[in-house]
Amino acid sequence: TSRKRVIGEYSAQAEPKKRIYGNIAAD
């Protein structure tokens, strides 16, 4: 899932490199 659109959409983070917190929640 790393940095993917699903993380960006549901975490409201447009910048892929800043999606770490959303990624950890998905993980």
mmCIF file of all heavy atoms, coordinates in Angstrom:
data_MODEL
# 
_entry.id   MODEL 
# 
loop_
_atom_site.group_PDB 
_atom_site.id 
_atom_site.type_symbol 
_atom_site.label_atom_id 
_atom_site.label_alt_id 
_atom_site.label_comp_id 
_atom_site.label_asym_id 
_atom_site.label_entity_id 
_atom_site.label_seq_id 
_atom_site.pdbx_PDB_ins_code 
_atom_site.Cartn_x 
_atom_site.Cartn_y 
_atom_site.Cartn_z 
_atom_site.occupancy 
_atom_site.B_iso_or_equiv 
_atom_site.pdbx_formal_charge 
_atom_site.auth_seq_id 
_atom_site.auth_comp_id 
_atom_site.auth_asym_id 
_atom_site.auth_atom_id 
_atom_site.pdbx_PDB_model_num 
ATOM 1   N N   . THR A 1 1  ? 0.817   -1.216 0.000  1.00 0.00 ? 1  THR A N   1 
ATOM 2   C CA  . THR A 1 1  ? 0.000   0.000  0.000  1.00 0.00 ? 1  THR A CA  1 
ATOM 3   C C   . THR A 1 1  ? 0.848   1.262  0.000  1.00 0.00 ? 1  THR A C   1 
ATOM 4   O O   . THR A 1 1  ? 0.321   2.363  -0.087 1.00 0.00 ? 1  THR A O   1 
ATOM 5   C CB  . THR A 1 1  ? -0.901  0.071  1.249  1.00 0.00 ? 1  THR A CB  1 
ATOM 6   O OG1 . THR A 1 1  ? -0.081  0.147  2.409  1.00 0.00 ? 1  THR A OG1 1 
ATOM 7   C CG2 . THR A 1 1  ? -1.814  -1.117 1.349  1.00 0.00 ? 1  THR A CG2 1 
ATOM 8   N N   . SER A 1 2  ? 2.156   1.124  0.103  1.00 0.00 ? 2  SER A N   1 
ATOM 9   C CA  . SER A 1 2  ? 3.030   2.247  0.422  1.00 0.00 ? 2  SER A CA  1 
ATOM 10  C C   . SER A 1 2  ? 2.844   3.440  -0.511 1.00 0.00 ? 2  SER A C   1 
ATOM 11  O O   . SER A 1 2  ? 3.048   3.339  -1.725 1.00 0.00 ? 2  SER A O   1 
ATOM 12  C CB  . SER A 1 2  ? 4.488   1.785  0.390  1.00 0.00 ? 2  SER A CB  1 
ATOM 13  O OG  . SER A 1 2  ? 5.340   2.789  0.896  1.00 0.00 ? 2  SER A OG  1 
ATOM 14  N N   . ARG A 1 3  ? 2.419   4.574  0.069  1.00 0.00 ? 3  ARG A N   1 
ATOM 15  C CA  . ARG A 1 3  ? 2.258   5.864  -0.618 1.00 0.00 ? 3  ARG A CA  1 
ATOM 16  C C   . ARG A 1 3  ? 1.185   5.866  -1.695 1.00 0.00 ? 3  ARG A C   1 
ATOM 17  O O   . ARG A 1 3  ? 1.096   6.805  -2.489 1.00 0.00 ? 3  ARG A O   1 
ATOM 18  C CB  . ARG A 1 3  ? 3.595   6.323  -1.213 1.00 0.00 ? 3  ARG A CB  1 
ATOM 19  C CG  . ARG A 1 3  ? 4.697   6.516  -0.193 1.00 0.00 ? 3  ARG A CG  1 
ATOM 20  C CD  . ARG A 1 3  ? 5.989   6.981  -0.847 1.00 0.00 ? 3  ARG A CD  1 
ATOM 21  N NE  . ARG A 1 3  ? 7.044   7.195  0.141  1.00 0.00 ? 3  ARG A NE  1 
ATOM 22  C CZ  . ARG A 1 3  ? 8.299   7.513  -0.161 1.00 0.00 ? 3  ARG A CZ  1 
ATOM 23  N NH1 . ARG A 1 3  ? 8.651   7.663  -1.428 1.00 0.00 ? 3  ARG A NH1 1 
ATOM 24  N NH2 . ARG A 1 3  ? 9.202   7.685  0.781  1.00 0.00 ? 3  ARG A NH2 1 
ATOM 25  N N   . LYS A 1 4  ? 0.340   4.855  -1.762 1.00 0.00 ? 4  LYS A N   1 
ATOM 26  C CA  . LYS A 1 4  ? -0.604  4.739  -2.867 1.00 0.00 ? 4  LYS A CA  1 
ATOM 27  C C   . LYS A 1 4  ? -1.814  5.653  -2.693 1.00 0.00 ? 4  LYS A C   1 
ATOM 28  O O   . LYS A 1 4  ? -2.056  6.238  -1.642 1.00 0.00 ? 4  LYS A O   1 
ATOM 29  C CB  . LYS A 1 4  ? -1.024  3.278  -3.044 1.00 0.00 ? 4  LYS A CB  1 
ATOM 30  C CG  . LYS A 1 4  ? 0.107   2.425  -3.613 1.00 0.00 ? 4  LYS A CG  1 
ATOM 31  C CD  . LYS A 1 4  ? -0.333  1.015  -3.930 1.00 0.00 ? 4  LYS A CD  1 
ATOM 32  C CE  . LYS A 1 4  ? 0.826   0.231  -4.569 1.00 0.00 ? 4  LYS A CE  1 
ATOM 33  N NZ  . LYS A 1 4  ? 0.460   -1.182 -4.799 1.00 0.00 ? 4  LYS A NZ  1 
ATOM 34  N N   . ARG A 1 5  ? -2.609  5.741  -3.767 1.00 0.00 ? 5  ARG A N   1 
ATOM 35  C CA  . ARG A 1 5  ? -3.743  6.666  -3.799 1.00 0.00 ? 5  ARG A CA  1 
ATOM 36  C C   . ARG A 1 5  ? -4.751  6.392  -2.695 1.00 0.00 ? 5  ARG A C   1 
ATOM 37  O O   . ARG A 1 5  ? -5.357  7.335  -2.170 1.00 0.00 ? 5  ARG A O   1 
ATOM 38  C CB  . ARG A 1 5  ? -4.422  6.589  -5.168 1.00 0.00 ? 5  ARG A CB  1 
ATOM 39  C CG  . ARG A 1 5  ? -3.608  7.200  -6.299 1.00 0.00 ? 5  ARG A CG  1 
ATOM 40  C CD  . ARG A 1 5  ? -4.317  7.057  -7.633 1.00 0.00 ? 5  ARG A CD  1 
ATOM 41  N NE  . ARG A 1 5  ? -4.464  5.655  -7.996 1.00 0.00 ? 5  ARG A NE  1 
ATOM 42  C CZ  . ARG A 1 5  ? -5.234  5.210  -8.992 1.00 0.00 ? 5  ARG A CZ  1 
ATOM 43  N NH1 . ARG A 1 5  ? -5.934  6.063  -9.715 1.00 0.00 ? 5  ARG A NH1 1 
ATOM 44  N NH2 . ARG A 1 5  ? -5.299  3.927  -9.279 1.00 0.00 ? 5  ARG A NH2 1 
ATOM 45  N N   . VAL A 1 6  ? -4.958  5.136  -2.342 1.00 0.00 ? 6  VAL A N   1 
ATOM 46  C CA  . VAL A 1 6  ? -5.919  4.830  -1.283 1.00 0.00 ? 6  VAL A CA  1 
ATOM 47  C C   . VAL A 1 6  ? -5.509  5.480  0.033  1.00 0.00 ? 6  VAL A C   1 
ATOM 48  O O   . VAL A 1 6  ? -6.353  5.977  0.791  1.00 0.00 ? 6  VAL A O   1 
ATOM 49  C CB  . VAL A 1 6  ? -6.102  3.303  -1.120 1.00 0.00 ? 6  VAL A CB  1 
ATOM 50  C CG1 . VAL A 1 6  ? -4.816  2.618  -0.679 1.00 0.00 ? 6  VAL A CG1 1 
ATOM 51  C CG2 . VAL A 1 6  ? -7.222  2.997  -0.127 1.00 0.00 ? 6  VAL A CG2 1 
ATOM 52  N N   . ILE A 1 7  ? -4.210  5.526  0.307  1.00 0.00 ? 7  ILE A N   1 
ATOM 53  C CA  . ILE A 1 7  ? -3.721  6.180  1.524  1.00 0.00 ? 7  ILE A CA  1 
ATOM 54  C C   . ILE A 1 7  ? -3.922  7.685  1.414  1.00 0.00 ? 7  ILE A C   1 
ATOM 55  O O   . ILE A 1 7  ? -4.382  8.345  2.353  1.00 0.00 ? 7  ILE A O   1 
ATOM 56  C CB  . ILE A 1 7  ? -2.239  5.863  1.770  1.00 0.00 ? 7  ILE A CB  1 
ATOM 57  C CG1 . ILE A 1 7  ? -1.994  4.341  1.769  1.00 0.00 ? 7  ILE A CG1 1 
ATOM 58  C CG2 . ILE A 1 7  ? -1.756  6.486  3.075  1.00 0.00 ? 7  ILE A CG2 1 
ATOM 59  C CD1 . ILE A 1 7  ? -2.702  3.588  2.853  1.00 0.00 ? 7  ILE A CD1 1 
ATOM 60  N N   . GLY A 1 8  ? -3.602  8.240  0.255  1.00 0.00 ? 8  GLY A N   1 
ATOM 61  C CA  . GLY A 1 8  ? -3.770  9.671  0.059  1.00 0.00 ? 8  GLY A CA  1 
ATOM 62  C C   . GLY A 1 8  ? -5.214  10.111 0.199  1.00 0.00 ? 8  GLY A C   1 
ATOM 63  O O   . GLY A 1 8  ? -5.509  11.140 0.836  1.00 0.00 ? 8  GLY A O   1 
ATOM 64  N N   . GLU A 1 9  ? -6.133  9.327  -0.385 1.00 0.00 ? 9  GLU A N   1 
ATOM 65  C CA  . GLU A 1 9  ? -7.538  9.728  -0.360 1.00 0.00 ? 9  GLU A CA  1 
ATOM 66  C C   . GLU A 1 9  ? -8.124  9.699  1.048  1.00 0.00 ? 9  GLU A C   1 
ATOM 67  O O   . GLU A 1 9  ? -8.773  10.654 1.486  1.00 0.00 ? 9  GLU A O   1 
ATOM 68  C CB  . GLU A 1 9  ? -8.360  8.820  -1.275 1.00 0.00 ? 9  GLU A CB  1 
ATOM 69  C CG  . GLU A 1 9  ? -9.827  9.189  -1.311 1.00 0.00 ? 9  GLU A CG  1 
ATOM 70  C CD  . GLU A 1 9  ? -10.575 8.519  -2.444 1.00 0.00 ? 9  GLU A CD  1 
ATOM 71  O OE1 . GLU A 1 9  ? -9.956  8.280  -3.510 1.00 0.00 ? 9  GLU A OE1 1 
ATOM 72  O OE2 . GLU A 1 9  ? -11.772 8.254  -2.277 1.00 0.00 ? 9  GLU A OE2 1 
ATOM 73  N N   . TYR A 1 10 ? -7.888  8.602  1.769  1.00 0.00 ? 10 TYR A N   1 
ATOM 74  C CA  . TYR A 1 10 ? -8.554  8.460  3.064  1.00 0.00 ? 10 TYR A CA  1 
ATOM 75  C C   . TYR A 1 10 ? -7.804  9.128  4.214  1.00 0.00 ? 10 TYR A C   1 
ATOM 76  O O   . TYR A 1 10 ? -8.374  9.314  5.290  1.00 0.00 ? 10 TYR A O   1 
ATOM 77  C CB  . TYR A 1 10 ? -8.809  6.981  3.357  1.00 0.00 ? 10 TYR A CB  1 
ATOM 78  C CG  . TYR A 1 10 ? -9.872  6.398  2.456  1.00 0.00 ? 10 TYR A CG  1 
ATOM 79  C CD1 . TYR A 1 10 ? -9.531  5.564  1.399  1.00 0.00 ? 10 TYR A CD1 1 
ATOM 80  C CD2 . TYR A 1 10 ? -11.209 6.722  2.634  1.00 0.00 ? 10 TYR A CD2 1 
ATOM 81  C CE1 . TYR A 1 10 ? -10.504 5.039  0.548  1.00 0.00 ? 10 TYR A CE1 1 
ATOM 82  C CE2 . TYR A 1 10 ? -12.187 6.214  1.784  1.00 0.00 ? 10 TYR A CE2 1 
ATOM 83  C CZ  . TYR A 1 10 ? -11.828 5.372  0.746  1.00 0.00 ? 10 TYR A CZ  1 
ATOM 84  O OH  . TYR A 1 10 ? -12.798 4.869  -0.103 1.00 0.00 ? 10 TYR A OH  1 
ATOM 85  N N   . SER A 1 11 ? -6.557  9.483  3.992  1.00 0.00 ? 11 SER A N   1 
ATOM 86  C CA  . SER A 1 11 ? -5.834  10.230 5.031  1.00 0.00 ? 11 SER A CA  1 
ATOM 87  C C   . SER A 1 11 ? -5.760  11.724 4.711  1.00 0.00 ? 11 SER A C   1 
ATOM 88  O O   . SER A 1 11 ? -5.165  12.485 5.466  1.00 0.00 ? 11 SER A O   1 
ATOM 89  C CB  . SER A 1 11 ? -4.405  9.677  5.186  1.00 0.00 ? 11 SER A CB  1 
ATOM 90  O OG  . SER A 1 11 ? -3.624  9.950  4.033  1.00 0.00 ? 11 SER A OG  1 
ATOM 91  N N   . ALA A 1 12 ? -6.341  12.106 3.574  1.00 0.00 ? 12 ALA A N   1 
ATOM 92  C CA  . ALA A 1 12 ? -6.351  13.515 3.137  1.00 0.00 ? 12 ALA A CA  1 
ATOM 93  C C   . ALA A 1 12 ? -4.946  14.086 3.011  1.00 0.00 ? 12 ALA A C   1 
ATOM 94  O O   . ALA A 1 12 ? -4.677  15.215 3.394  1.00 0.00 ? 12 ALA A O   1 
ATOM 95  C CB  . ALA A 1 12 ? -7.187  14.377 4.097  1.00 0.00 ? 12 ALA A CB  1 
ATOM 96  N N   . GLN A 1 13 ? -4.037  13.269 2.438  1.00 0.00 ? 13 GLN A N   1 
ATOM 97  C CA  . GLN A 1 13 ? -2.658  13.707 2.235  1.00 0.00 ? 13 GLN A CA  1 
ATOM 98  C C   . GLN A 1 13 ? -2.315  13.561 0.750  1.00 0.00 ? 13 GLN A C   1 
ATOM 99  O O   . GLN A 1 13 ? -2.155  12.451 0.240  1.00 0.00 ? 13 GLN A O   1 
ATOM 100 C CB  . GLN A 1 13 ? -1.701  12.878 3.089  1.00 0.00 ? 13 GLN A CB  1 
ATOM 101 C CG  . GLN A 1 13 ? -0.223  13.181 2.898  1.00 0.00 ? 13 GLN A CG  1 
ATOM 102 C CD  . GLN A 1 13 ? 0.106   14.657 2.978  1.00 0.00 ? 13 GLN A CD  1 
ATOM 103 O OE1 . GLN A 1 13 ? 0.304   15.324 1.966  1.00 0.00 ? 13 GLN A OE1 1 
ATOM 104 N NE2 . GLN A 1 13 ? 0.161   15.185 4.205  1.00 0.00 ? 13 GLN A NE2 1 
ATOM 105 N N   . ALA A 1 14 ? -2.192  14.704 0.076  1.00 0.00 ? 14 ALA A N   1 
ATOM 106 C CA  . ALA A 1 14 ? -1.952  14.696 -1.367 1.00 0.00 ? 14 ALA A CA  1 
ATOM 107 C C   . ALA A 1 14 ? -0.525  14.338 -1.735 1.00 0.00 ? 14 ALA A C   1 
ATOM 108 O O   . ALA A 1 14 ? -0.279  13.800 -2.819 1.00 0.00 ? 14 ALA A O   1 
ATOM 109 C CB  . ALA A 1 14 ? -2.307  16.062 -1.951 1.00 0.00 ? 14 ALA A CB  1 
ATOM 110 N N   . GLU A 1 15 ? 0.436   14.628 -0.868 1.00 0.00 ? 15 GLU A N   1 
ATOM 111 C CA  . GLU A 1 15 ? 1.849   14.412 -1.171 1.00 0.00 ? 15 GLU A CA  1 
ATOM 112 C C   . GLU A 1 15 ? 2.250   12.976 -0.813 1.00 0.00 ? 15 GLU A C   1 
ATOM 113 O O   . GLU A 1 15 ? 2.244   12.592 0.358  1.00 0.00 ? 15 GLU A O   1 
ATOM 114 C CB  . GLU A 1 15 ? 2.709   15.396 -0.376 1.00 0.00 ? 15 GLU A CB  1 
ATOM 115 C CG  . GLU A 1 15 ? 4.204   15.154 -0.474 1.00 0.00 ? 15 GLU A CG  1 
ATOM 116 C CD  . GLU A 1 15 ? 4.701   15.103 -1.904 1.00 0.00 ? 15 GLU A CD  1 
ATOM 117 O OE1 . GLU A 1 15 ? 4.366   16.020 -2.676 1.00 0.00 ? 15 GLU A OE1 1 
ATOM 118 O OE2 . GLU A 1 15 ? 5.409   14.133 -2.238 1.00 0.00 ? 15 GLU A OE2 1 
ATOM 119 N N   . PRO A 1 16 ? 2.598   12.133 -1.816 1.00 0.00 ? 16 PRO A N   1 
ATOM 120 C CA  . PRO A 1 16 ? 2.899   10.722 -1.528 1.00 0.00 ? 16 PRO A CA  1 
ATOM 121 C C   . PRO A 1 16 ? 3.960   10.496 -0.453 1.00 0.00 ? 16 PRO A C   1 
ATOM 122 O O   . PRO A 1 16 ? 3.816   9.598  0.386  1.00 0.00 ? 16 PRO A O   1 
ATOM 123 C CB  . PRO A 1 16 ? 3.360   10.173 -2.888 1.00 0.00 ? 16 PRO A CB  1 
ATOM 124 C CG  . PRO A 1 16 ? 2.633   11.018 -3.882 1.00 0.00 ? 16 PRO A CG  1 
ATOM 125 C CD  . PRO A 1 16 ? 2.605   12.394 -3.277 1.00 0.00 ? 16 PRO A CD  1 
ATOM 126 N N   . LYS A 1 17 ? 5.022   11.310 -0.454 1.00 0.00 ? 17 LYS A N   1 
ATOM 127 C CA  . LYS A 1 17 ? 6.103   11.084 0.508  1.00 0.00 ? 17 LYS A CA  1 
ATOM 128 C C   . LYS A 1 17 ? 5.703   11.436 1.943  1.00 0.00 ? 17 LYS A C   1 
ATOM 129 O O   . LYS A 1 17 ? 6.438   11.117 2.885  1.00 0.00 ? 17 LYS A O   1 
ATOM 130 C CB  . LYS A 1 17 ? 7.344   11.874 0.102  1.00 0.00 ? 17 LYS A CB  1 
ATOM 131 C CG  . LYS A 1 17 ? 8.029   11.312 -1.139 1.00 0.00 ? 17 LYS A CG  1 
ATOM 132 C CD  . LYS A 1 17 ? 9.295   12.085 -1.469 1.00 0.00 ? 17 LYS A CD  1 
ATOM 133 C CE  . LYS A 1 17 ? 9.991   11.501 -2.693 1.00 0.00 ? 17 LYS A CE  1 
ATOM 134 N NZ  . LYS A 1 17 ? 11.226  12.241 -3.045 1.00 0.00 ? 17 LYS A NZ  1 
ATOM 135 N N   . LYS A 1 18 ? 4.544   12.069 2.128  1.00 0.00 ? 18 LYS A N   1 
ATOM 136 C CA  . LYS A 1 18 ? 4.096   12.447 3.465  1.00 0.00 ? 18 LYS A CA  1 
ATOM 137 C C   . LYS A 1 18 ? 2.984   11.534 3.989  1.00 0.00 ? 18 LYS A C   1 
ATOM 138 O O   . LYS A 1 18 ? 2.318   11.868 4.965  1.00 0.00 ? 18 LYS A O   1 
ATOM 139 C CB  . LYS A 1 18 ? 3.614   13.905 3.453  1.00 0.00 ? 18 LYS A CB  1 
ATOM 140 C CG  . LYS A 1 18 ? 4.714   14.909 3.162  1.00 0.00 ? 18 LYS A CG  1 
ATOM 141 C CD  . LYS A 1 18 ? 4.177   16.329 3.174  1.00 0.00 ? 18 LYS A CD  1 
ATOM 142 C CE  . LYS A 1 18 ? 5.293   17.330 2.877  1.00 0.00 ? 18 LYS A CE  1 
ATOM 143 N NZ  . LYS A 1 18 ? 4.767   18.734 2.871  1.00 0.00 ? 18 LYS A NZ  1 
ATOM 144 N N   . ARG A 1 19 ? 2.804   10.376 3.356  1.00 0.00 ? 19 ARG A N   1 
ATOM 145 C CA  . ARG A 1 19 ? 1.704   9.483  3.725  1.00 0.00 ? 19 ARG A CA  1 
ATOM 146 C C   . ARG A 1 19 ? 2.102   8.420  4.745  1.00 0.00 ? 19 ARG A C   1 
ATOM 147 O O   . ARG A 1 19 ? 1.408   7.415  4.905  1.00 0.00 ? 19 ARG A O   1 
ATOM 148 C CB  . ARG A 1 19 ? 1.137   8.826  2.471  1.00 0.00 ? 19 ARG A CB  1 
ATOM 149 C CG  . ARG A 1 19 ? 0.438   9.810  1.550  1.00 0.00 ? 19 ARG A CG  1 
ATOM 150 C CD  . ARG A 1 19 ? 0.019   9.182  0.221  1.00 0.00 ? 19 ARG A CD  1 
ATOM 151 N NE  . ARG A 1 19 ? -0.585  10.202 -0.641 1.00 0.00 ? 19 ARG A NE  1 
ATOM 152 C CZ  . ARG A 1 19 ? -0.839  10.017 -1.938 1.00 0.00 ? 19 ARG A CZ  1 
ATOM 153 N NH1 . ARG A 1 19 ? -0.543  8.868  -2.525 1.00 0.00 ? 19 ARG A NH1 1 
ATOM 154 N NH2 . ARG A 1 19 ? -1.401  10.992 -2.642 1.00 0.00 ? 19 ARG A NH2 1 
ATOM 155 N N   . ILE A 1 20 ? 3.198   8.621  5.460  1.00 0.00 ? 20 ILE A N   1 
ATOM 156 C CA  . ILE A 1 20 ? 3.724   7.599  6.352  1.00 0.00 ? 20 ILE A CA  1 
ATOM 157 C C   . ILE A 1 20 ? 2.731   7.221  7.452  1.00 0.00 ? 20 ILE A C   1 
ATOM 158 O O   . ILE A 1 20 ? 2.565   6.047  7.784  1.00 0.00 ? 20 ILE A O   1 
ATOM 159 C CB  . ILE A 1 20 ? 5.076   8.044  6.954  1.00 0.00 ? 20 ILE A CB  1 
ATOM 160 C CG1 . ILE A 1 20 ? 5.634   6.974  7.890  1.00 0.00 ? 20 ILE A CG1 1 
ATOM 161 C CG2 . ILE A 1 20 ? 4.964   9.373  7.669  1.00 0.00 ? 20 ILE A CG2 1 
ATOM 162 C CD1 . ILE A 1 20 ? 5.953   5.677  7.247  1.00 0.00 ? 20 ILE A CD1 1 
ATOM 163 N N   . TYR A 1 21 ? 2.031   8.208  8.037  1.00 0.00 ? 21 TYR A N   1 
ATOM 164 C CA  . TYR A 1 21 ? 1.120   7.909  9.141  1.00 0.00 ? 21 TYR A CA  1 
ATOM 165 C C   . TYR A 1 21 ? -0.099  7.135  8.645  1.00 0.00 ? 21 TYR A C   1 
ATOM 166 O O   . TYR A 1 21 ? -0.563  6.191  9.298  1.00 0.00 ? 21 TYR A O   1 
ATOM 167 C CB  . TYR A 1 21 ? 0.704   9.200  9.854  1.00 0.00 ? 21 TYR A CB  1 
ATOM 168 C CG  . TYR A 1 21 ? 1.888   9.996  10.345 1.00 0.00 ? 21 TYR A CG  1 
ATOM 169 C CD1 . TYR A 1 21 ? 2.188   11.237 9.791  1.00 0.00 ? 21 TYR A CD1 1 
ATOM 170 C CD2 . TYR A 1 21 ? 2.734   9.487  11.334 1.00 0.00 ? 21 TYR A CD2 1 
ATOM 171 C CE1 . TYR A 1 21 ? 3.294   11.962 10.218 1.00 0.00 ? 21 TYR A CE1 1 
ATOM 172 C CE2 . TYR A 1 21 ? 3.836   10.205 11.761 1.00 0.00 ? 21 TYR A CE2 1 
ATOM 173 C CZ  . TYR A 1 21 ? 4.107   11.443 11.204 1.00 0.00 ? 21 TYR A CZ  1 
ATOM 174 O OH  . TYR A 1 21 ? 5.202   12.154 11.627 1.00 0.00 ? 21 TYR A OH  1 
ATOM 175 N N   . GLY A 1 22 ? -0.609  7.526  7.494  1.00 0.00 ? 22 GLY A N   1 
ATOM 176 C CA  . GLY A 1 22 ? -1.706  6.771  6.897  1.00 0.00 ? 22 GLY A CA  1 
ATOM 177 C C   . GLY A 1 22 ? -1.278  5.363  6.550  1.00 0.00 ? 22 GLY A C   1 
ATOM 178 O O   . GLY A 1 22 ? -2.049  4.398  6.722  1.00 0.00 ? 22 GLY A O   1 
ATOM 179 N N   . ASN A 1 23 ? -0.054  5.229  6.067  1.00 0.00 ? 23 ASN A N   1 
ATOM 180 C CA  . ASN A 1 23 ? 0.461   3.901  5.748  1.00 0.00 ? 23 ASN A CA  1 
ATOM 181 C C   . ASN A 1 23 ? 0.544   3.010  6.969  1.00 0.00 ? 23 ASN A C   1 
ATOM 182 O O   . ASN A 1 23 ? 0.174   1.831  6.932  1.00 0.00 ? 23 ASN A O   1 
ATOM 183 C CB  . ASN A 1 23 ? 1.844   4.011  5.102  1.00 0.00 ? 23 ASN A CB  1 
ATOM 184 C CG  . ASN A 1 23 ? 1.785   3.873  3.598  1.00 0.00 ? 23 ASN A CG  1 
ATOM 185 O OD1 . ASN A 1 23 ? 2.243   4.744  2.877  1.00 0.00 ? 23 ASN A OD1 1 
ATOM 186 N ND2 . ASN A 1 23 ? 1.182   2.795  3.105  1.00 0.00 ? 23 ASN A ND2 1 
ATOM 187 N N   . ILE A 1 24 ? 1.042   3.550  8.070  1.00 0.00 ? 24 ILE A N   1 
ATOM 188 C CA  . ILE A 1 24 ? 1.172   2.736  9.280  1.00 0.00 ? 24 ILE A CA  1 
ATOM 189 C C   . ILE A 1 24 ? -0.200  2.298  9.785  1.00 0.00 ? 24 ILE A C   1 
ATOM 190 O O   . ILE A 1 24 ? -0.372  1.174  10.271 1.00 0.00 ? 24 ILE A O   1 
ATOM 191 C CB  . ILE A 1 24 ? 1.971   3.491  10.356 1.00 0.00 ? 24 ILE A CB  1 
ATOM 192 C CG1 . ILE A 1 24 ? 3.449   3.581  9.930  1.00 0.00 ? 24 ILE A CG1 1 
ATOM 193 C CG2 . ILE A 1 24 ? 1.856   2.807  11.718 1.00 0.00 ? 24 ILE A CG2 1 
ATOM 194 C CD1 . ILE A 1 24 ? 4.322   4.422  10.834 1.00 0.00 ? 24 ILE A CD1 1 
ATOM 195 N N   . ALA A 1 25 ? -1.208  3.169  9.647  1.00 0.00 ? 25 ALA A N   1 
ATOM 196 C CA  . ALA A 1 25 ? -2.564  2.773  10.036 1.00 0.00 ? 25 ALA A CA  1 
ATOM 197 C C   . ALA A 1 25 ? -3.052  1.606  9.172  1.00 0.00 ? 25 ALA A C   1 
ATOM 198 O O   . ALA A 1 25 ? -3.623  0.625  9.686  1.00 0.00 ? 25 ALA A O   1 
ATOM 199 C CB  . ALA A 1 25 ? -3.513  3.964  9.912  1.00 0.00 ? 25 ALA A CB  1 
ATOM 200 N N   . ALA A 1 26 ? -2.806  1.685  7.864  1.00 0.00 ? 26 ALA A N   1 
ATOM 201 C CA  . ALA A 1 26 ? -3.197  0.588  6.969  1.00 0.00 ? 26 ALA A CA  1 
ATOM 202 C C   . ALA A 1 26 ? -2.416  -0.680 7.293  1.00 0.00 ? 26 ALA A C   1 
ATOM 203 O O   . ALA A 1 26 ? -2.978  -1.786 7.309  1.00 0.00 ? 26 ALA A O   1 
ATOM 204 C CB  . ALA A 1 26 ? -2.968  1.006  5.518  1.00 0.00 ? 26 ALA A CB  1 
ATOM 205 N N   . ASP A 1 27 ? -1.112  -0.531 7.555  1.00 0.00 ? 27 ASP A N   1 
ATOM 206 C CA  . ASP A 1 27 ? -0.291  -1.685 7.920  1.00 0.00 ? 27 ASP A CA  1 
ATOM 207 C C   . ASP A 1 27 ? -0.818  -2.358 9.181  1.00 0.00 ? 27 ASP A C   1 
ATOM 208 O O   . ASP A 1 27 ? -0.819  -3.595 9.287  1.00 0.00 ? 27 ASP A O   1 
ATOM 209 C CB  . ASP A 1 27 ? 1.158   -1.255 8.162  1.00 0.00 ? 27 ASP A CB  1 
ATOM 210 C CG  . ASP A 1 27 ? 1.859   -0.743 6.919  1.00 0.00 ? 27 ASP A CG  1 
ATOM 211 O OD1 . ASP A 1 27 ? 1.403   -1.069 5.807  1.00 0.00 ? 27 ASP A OD1 1 
ATOM 212 O OD2 . ASP A 1 27 ? 2.856   -0.013 7.059  1.00 0.00 ? 27 ASP A OD2 1 
# 
